[in-house]
Amino acid sequence: MHPKDPKATAQQTTVRRHNRTMGITIPVAHDFICPWCWVGLLQAKRLEQEFGVTIQWLGYELFPIELEWPEHKPGAAPPANRPPTLTRFEFLLAADDLEMPTAPRPRGMRTFNAHEAVEFAKAEGVAGELVEALYRAYWERGEEINDIDVLRRIATGIVSDVDALVHAVQAQEFKDRIVGFDDEAYSRGVYNVPTFFVAGERLAEQPYSVLRKAVRRAVAEDAIAKMQGAGAPAVA
């Protein structure tokens, strides 16, 4: 159909309105200490704003207690005559026009308690707010978000019963919902975080342009399917 066709324009408007009011859910496997996941948080917020999707945060702990912290050794210096090149992560930042926060952060911090707190917040429907608050506390202010007292302070004003949250975290009430690397995560098809699950696709460590195309396609297909189910004509 021609873009100026009134019928086509009306149908496209219906799809856009449907997208804003009947958003789909996108699960995202993540961990707070991963720099790629900091970018993933910002990407998820853009997807929420642009498409009205709901983000379902899935806790994947990169360094569970059973896994020792790796020892990072400095690599060999590049040849003096080699021109500088961007890393994959630097390319991602450039593609999304982002800069990483520069606040010093705690090293060797595990994230199990932080993920437990998010699971508690899901029951109150405020998981997204707590996830963002925890990311910003860690990356922008360098706070040790796995510490119980820090969690209590960050959760105050977000969840209604902070004491119950602390109790749930200390009792590890949601332990079975938190996935640890390596083997458990790999068995679920997650090899990198963040991994966005979009209509059957797994998109890991991707620029926003890739996520945007996948979500646009998924939301449009969902809208058309629901309109057809309700007896509305398909969009050509």
Protein backbone atom coordinates (compact mmCIF):
# COMPACT_ATOMS: atom_id res chain seq x y z
CA MET A 1 0.00 0.00 0.00
CA HIS A 2 1.09 3.59 -0.62
CA PRO A 3 2.21 5.37 2.59
CA LYS A 4 -0.45 8.05 2.04
CA ASP A 5 -3.28 5.53 1.71
CA PRO A 6 -5.77 6.61 4.44
CA LYS A 7 -6.66 3.00 5.21
CA ALA A 8 -3.02 2.03 5.62
CA THR A 9 -2.35 5.08 7.78
CA ALA A 10 -5.28 4.24 10.06
CA GLN A 11 -4.13 0.63 10.45
CA GLN A 12 -0.55 1.69 11.21
CA THR A 13 -1.82 4.14 13.81
CA THR A 14 -3.79 1.31 15.41
CA VAL A 15 -0.64 -0.82 15.58
CA ARG A 16 1.35 2.01 17.18
CA ARG A 17 -1.40 2.62 19.73
CA HIS A 18 -1.52 -1.10 20.46
CA ASN A 19 2.27 -1.11 20.97
CA ARG A 20 2.00 1.57 23.63
CA THR A 21 -0.79 -0.11 25.57
CA MET A 22 -0.27 -3.83 25.09
CA GLY A 23 3.49 -4.20 25.47
CA ILE A 24 5.24 -7.53 25.52
CA THR A 25 7.57 -8.82 28.24
CA ILE A 26 11.29 -9.16 27.57
CA PRO A 27 13.30 -11.27 30.04
CA VAL A 28 16.85 -10.03 30.55
CA ALA A 29 19.57 -12.14 32.17
CA HIS A 30 21.94 -9.79 33.98
CA ASP A 31 24.39 -9.23 36.81
CA PHE A 32 25.08 -5.91 38.52
CA ILE A 33 28.87 -6.05 38.39
CA CYS A 34 29.05 -6.56 34.62
CA PRO A 35 29.86 -3.38 32.65
CA TRP A 36 27.95 -4.76 29.65
CA CYS A 37 24.91 -5.01 31.96
CA TRP A 38 25.23 -1.36 32.97
CA VAL A 39 24.80 -0.61 29.28
CA GLY A 40 22.00 -3.20 29.20
CA LEU A 41 20.13 -1.31 31.92
CA LEU A 42 20.21 1.87 29.85
CA GLN A 43 19.17 -0.06 26.75
CA ALA A 44 16.28 -1.68 28.62
CA LYS A 45 15.04 1.74 29.77
CA ARG A 46 15.12 2.97 26.16
CA LEU A 47 13.11 -0.06 25.05
CA GLU A 48 10.53 0.60 27.77
CA GLN A 49 10.19 4.22 26.72
CA GLU A 50 10.10 3.58 22.98
CA PHE A 51 7.95 0.46 22.79
CA GLY A 52 6.15 0.19 26.12
CA VAL A 53 7.64 -3.26 26.76
CA THR A 54 7.98 -4.76 30.22
CA ILE A 55 11.46 -5.86 31.29
CA GLN A 56 11.66 -9.00 33.42
CA TRP A 57 15.01 -8.98 35.23
CA LEU A 58 16.57 -12.44 35.71
CA GLY A 59 19.39 -12.73 38.21
CA TYR A 60 22.48 -14.46 36.79
CA GLU A 61 25.38 -14.28 39.24
CA LEU A 62 28.73 -14.16 37.45
CA PHE A 63 30.73 -15.17 40.52
CA PRO A 64 28.65 -17.32 42.87
CA ILE A 65 30.28 -18.37 46.13
CA GLU A 66 31.35 -21.69 44.59
CA LEU A 67 33.39 -19.92 41.91
CA GLU A 68 36.77 -18.43 42.73
CA TRP A 69 37.58 -14.94 41.60
CA PRO A 70 39.88 -14.98 38.58
CA GLU A 71 43.32 -13.43 38.78
CA HIS A 72 43.66 -10.83 36.07
CA LYS A 73 47.17 -10.53 34.73
CA PRO A 74 48.21 -7.62 32.55
CA GLY A 75 48.54 -8.55 28.91
CA ALA A 76 51.54 -7.92 26.72
CA ALA A 77 52.02 -4.37 25.49
CA PRO A 78 51.01 -3.87 21.83
CA PRO A 79 53.75 -3.15 19.29
CA ALA A 80 54.77 0.50 19.27
CA ASN A 81 53.81 0.92 15.62
CA ARG A 82 50.34 -0.61 15.96
CA PRO A 83 47.52 1.97 15.59
CA PRO A 84 45.02 2.06 18.48
CA THR A 85 41.85 0.04 17.98
CA LEU A 86 38.63 -0.09 19.96
CA THR A 87 37.68 -3.16 21.99
CA ARG A 88 34.27 -4.80 21.51
CA PHE A 89 33.02 -3.01 24.61
CA GLU A 90 34.36 0.34 23.44
CA PHE A 91 32.59 -0.23 20.12
CA LEU A 92 29.35 -0.85 22.03
CA LEU A 93 29.73 2.38 23.97
CA ALA A 94 30.47 4.28 20.78
CA ALA A 95 27.50 2.72 18.96
CA ASP A 96 25.09 3.72 21.75
CA ASP A 97 26.80 7.08 22.39
CA LEU A 98 27.50 6.25 26.04
CA GLU A 99 30.26 6.85 28.57
CA MET A 100 30.94 4.65 31.57
CA PRO A 101 30.71 6.10 35.08
CA THR A 102 34.12 6.71 36.63
CA ALA A 103 33.34 6.20 40.32
CA PRO A 104 35.71 3.71 42.03
CA ARG A 105 33.84 0.48 42.77
CA PRO A 106 34.33 -2.30 45.32
CA ARG A 107 36.35 -5.22 43.98
CA GLY A 108 35.60 -8.87 44.54
CA MET A 109 31.97 -8.14 45.40
CA ARG A 110 29.49 -10.93 44.86
CA THR A 111 25.88 -10.07 44.02
CA PHE A 112 23.71 -12.86 45.45
CA ASN A 113 22.06 -10.66 48.09
CA ALA A 114 21.30 -7.93 45.56
CA HIS A 115 19.57 -10.45 43.29
CA GLU A 116 17.62 -11.83 46.27
CA ALA A 117 16.39 -8.32 47.05
CA VAL A 118 15.16 -7.90 43.48
CA GLU A 119 13.24 -11.16 43.69
CA PHE A 120 11.49 -9.86 46.80
CA ALA A 121 10.67 -6.61 45.00
CA LYS A 122 9.00 -8.52 42.17
CA ALA A 123 6.12 -9.46 44.47
CA GLU A 124 5.43 -5.74 45.00
CA GLY A 125 5.79 -4.88 41.33
CA VAL A 126 8.81 -2.63 41.91
CA ALA A 127 11.64 -4.83 40.68
CA GLY A 128 12.51 -2.46 37.86
CA GLU A 129 12.85 0.49 40.22
CA LEU A 130 15.08 -1.48 42.59
CA VAL A 131 17.24 -2.87 39.77
CA GLU A 132 17.91 0.63 38.48
CA ALA A 133 18.63 1.95 41.98
CA LEU A 134 21.12 -0.86 42.61
CA TYR A 135 22.89 -0.35 39.29
CA ARG A 136 23.21 3.37 39.89
CA ALA A 137 24.43 2.84 43.45
CA TYR A 138 27.18 0.49 42.28
CA TRP A 139 28.28 2.13 39.03
CA GLU A 140 27.70 5.81 39.79
CA ARG A 141 28.51 5.93 43.52
CA GLY A 142 30.67 2.84 44.04
CA GLU A 143 28.49 1.35 46.79
CA GLU A 144 28.77 -2.25 47.96
CA ILE A 145 25.25 -3.23 46.99
CA ASN A 146 25.59 -6.80 48.29
CA ASP A 147 25.91 -5.50 51.86
CA ILE A 148 22.71 -5.90 53.88
CA ASP A 149 22.79 -2.40 55.34
CA VAL A 150 23.36 -0.87 51.92
CA LEU A 151 20.51 -2.92 50.49
CA ARG A 152 18.24 -1.75 53.29
CA ARG A 153 19.03 1.88 52.58
CA ILE A 154 18.60 1.59 48.80
CA ALA A 155 15.34 -0.35 49.11
CA THR A 156 13.84 2.19 51.52
CA GLY A 157 11.19 4.14 49.68
CA ILE A 158 10.97 1.53 46.90
CA VAL A 159 9.59 -1.54 48.68
CA SER A 160 6.87 -1.19 51.28
CA ASP A 161 8.38 -3.51 53.91
CA VAL A 162 12.16 -3.20 54.06
CA ASP A 163 12.41 -5.41 57.16
CA ALA A 164 10.67 -8.23 55.29
CA LEU A 165 13.06 -7.74 52.37
CA VAL A 166 16.08 -8.01 54.66
CA HIS A 167 14.65 -11.13 56.29
CA ALA A 168 14.05 -12.73 52.88
CA VAL A 169 17.59 -11.94 51.76
CA GLN A 170 19.17 -13.29 54.93
CA ALA A 171 17.02 -16.44 54.75
CA GLN A 172 17.86 -16.87 51.03
CA GLU A 173 14.18 -17.34 50.29
CA PHE A 174 14.67 -16.96 46.54
CA LYS A 175 17.87 -18.95 46.13
CA ASP A 176 16.33 -21.23 43.51
CA ARG A 177 15.56 -18.26 41.23
CA ILE A 178 19.14 -17.02 40.97
CA VAL A 179 21.24 -18.69 38.29
CA GLY A 180 24.97 -19.08 38.77
CA PHE A 181 27.73 -19.23 36.21
CA ASP A 182 29.19 -21.26 34.66
CA ASP A 183 27.42 -24.61 34.26
CA GLU A 184 23.92 -23.64 35.41
CA ALA A 185 23.82 -20.55 33.22
CA TYR A 186 25.23 -22.41 30.22
CA SER A 187 22.57 -25.12 30.62
CA ARG A 188 19.95 -22.40 30.16
CA GLY A 189 21.59 -21.04 27.05
CA VAL A 190 23.05 -17.94 28.70
CA TYR A 191 26.75 -17.52 27.98
CA ASN A 192 26.96 -13.75 28.27
CA VAL A 193 25.15 -11.07 30.22
CA PRO A 194 23.11 -9.18 29.44
CA THR A 195 21.08 -11.57 27.32
CA PHE A 196 17.78 -10.19 26.04
CA PHE A 197 15.14 -12.81 25.20
CA VAL A 198 13.04 -11.29 22.42
CA ALA A 199 10.34 -13.50 20.87
CA GLY A 200 12.49 -16.61 20.79
CA GLU A 201 15.73 -14.80 20.01
CA ARG A 202 18.65 -14.56 22.42
CA LEU A 203 20.52 -11.29 21.96
CA ALA A 204 23.65 -10.92 24.07
CA GLU A 205 25.94 -7.89 24.32
CA GLN A 206 24.32 -6.12 21.38
CA PRO A 207 24.06 -2.43 20.49
CA TYR A 208 20.70 -0.77 20.87
CA SER A 209 20.11 -0.73 17.11
CA VAL A 210 20.07 -4.54 17.07
CA LEU A 211 17.77 -4.77 20.08
CA ARG A 212 15.50 -2.10 18.63
CA LYS A 213 14.99 -3.99 15.37
CA ALA A 214 14.22 -7.24 17.18
CA VAL A 215 11.78 -5.61 19.59
CA ARG A 216 10.09 -3.58 16.87
CA ARG A 217 9.50 -6.80 14.92
CA ALA A 218 8.26 -8.70 17.98
CA VAL A 219 5.91 -5.95 19.12
CA ALA A 220 4.46 -5.50 15.63
CA GLU A 221 3.90 -9.24 15.23
CA ASP A 222 2.27 -9.39 18.65
CA ALA A 223 -0.01 -6.47 17.85
CA ILE A 224 -1.08 -7.91 14.50
CA ALA A 225 -1.73 -11.34 15.99
CA LYS A 226 -3.95 -9.87 18.71
CA MET A 227 -5.86 -7.70 16.25
CA GLN A 228 -6.42 -10.68 13.96
CA GLY A 229 -7.62 -12.68 16.94
CA ALA A 230 -10.11 -9.91 17.66
CA GLY A 231 -11.30 -9.90 14.08
CA ALA A 232 -9.42 -6.80 12.91
CA PRO A 233 -7.99 -6.75 9.38
CA ALA A 234 -4.29 -7.55 8.95
CA VAL A 235 -1.84 -4.78 8.08
CA ALA A 236 -0.42 -5.38 4.62
